[in-house]
Protein backbone atom coordinates (compact mmCIF):
# COMPACT_ATOMS: atom_id res chain seq x y z
CA MET A 1 0.00 0.00 0.00
CA SER A 2 1.21 3.49 -0.76
CA SER A 3 1.32 6.17 1.93
CA LYS A 4 -1.33 8.17 0.07
CA ARG A 5 -3.78 5.29 0.35
CA TRP A 6 -3.12 5.04 4.10
CA ILE A 7 -3.83 8.78 4.50
CA ILE A 8 -7.13 8.45 2.62
CA LEU A 9 -8.05 5.41 4.73
CA GLY A 10 -7.31 7.37 7.91
CA ILE A 11 -9.51 10.27 6.81
CA ILE A 12 -12.38 7.89 6.05
CA ILE A 13 -12.04 6.25 9.48
CA ILE A 14 -12.01 9.63 11.26
CA CYS A 15 -15.08 10.84 9.33
CA GLY A 16 -16.88 7.58 10.06
CA PHE A 17 -16.05 7.88 13.78
CA ILE A 18 -17.37 11.46 13.93
CA LEU A 19 -20.56 10.58 12.02
CA GLY A 20 -21.05 7.55 14.26
CA ARG A 21 -20.82 9.69 17.38
CA LEU A 22 -23.27 12.26 15.96
CA ALA A 23 -25.73 9.53 14.96
CA PHE A 24 -25.44 7.92 18.41
CA ARG A 25 -26.06 11.27 20.14
CA ALA A 26 -29.05 12.00 17.88
CA PHE A 27 -30.44 8.52 18.62
CA LEU A 28 -30.13 9.10 22.38
CA ASN A 29 -31.83 12.50 22.07
CA VAL A 30 -34.76 10.96 20.17
CA MET A 31 -35.06 8.13 22.71
CA LEU A 32 -35.14 10.69 25.53
CA GLY A 33 -38.05 12.47 23.82
CA GLY A 34 -36.20 15.45 22.37
CA THR A 35 -34.49 16.37 19.14
CA MET A 36 -31.03 17.64 18.27
CA PHE A 37 -32.50 21.12 17.88
CA GLY A 38 -34.06 21.26 21.34
CA GLY A 39 -37.64 21.07 20.05
CA ASN A 40 -40.09 18.19 20.09
CA ILE A 41 -41.27 17.12 16.63
CA LEU A 42 -43.46 14.21 17.72
């Protein structure tokens, strides 16, 4: 593997980790009856 491919792979992993955390936080907010924006859609 070239170093450039490793850098791209690292960026993808970091983006996936950040998106995963945001999705998990949004899921918890919905389960607790709120939304990410502080309102209550349902």
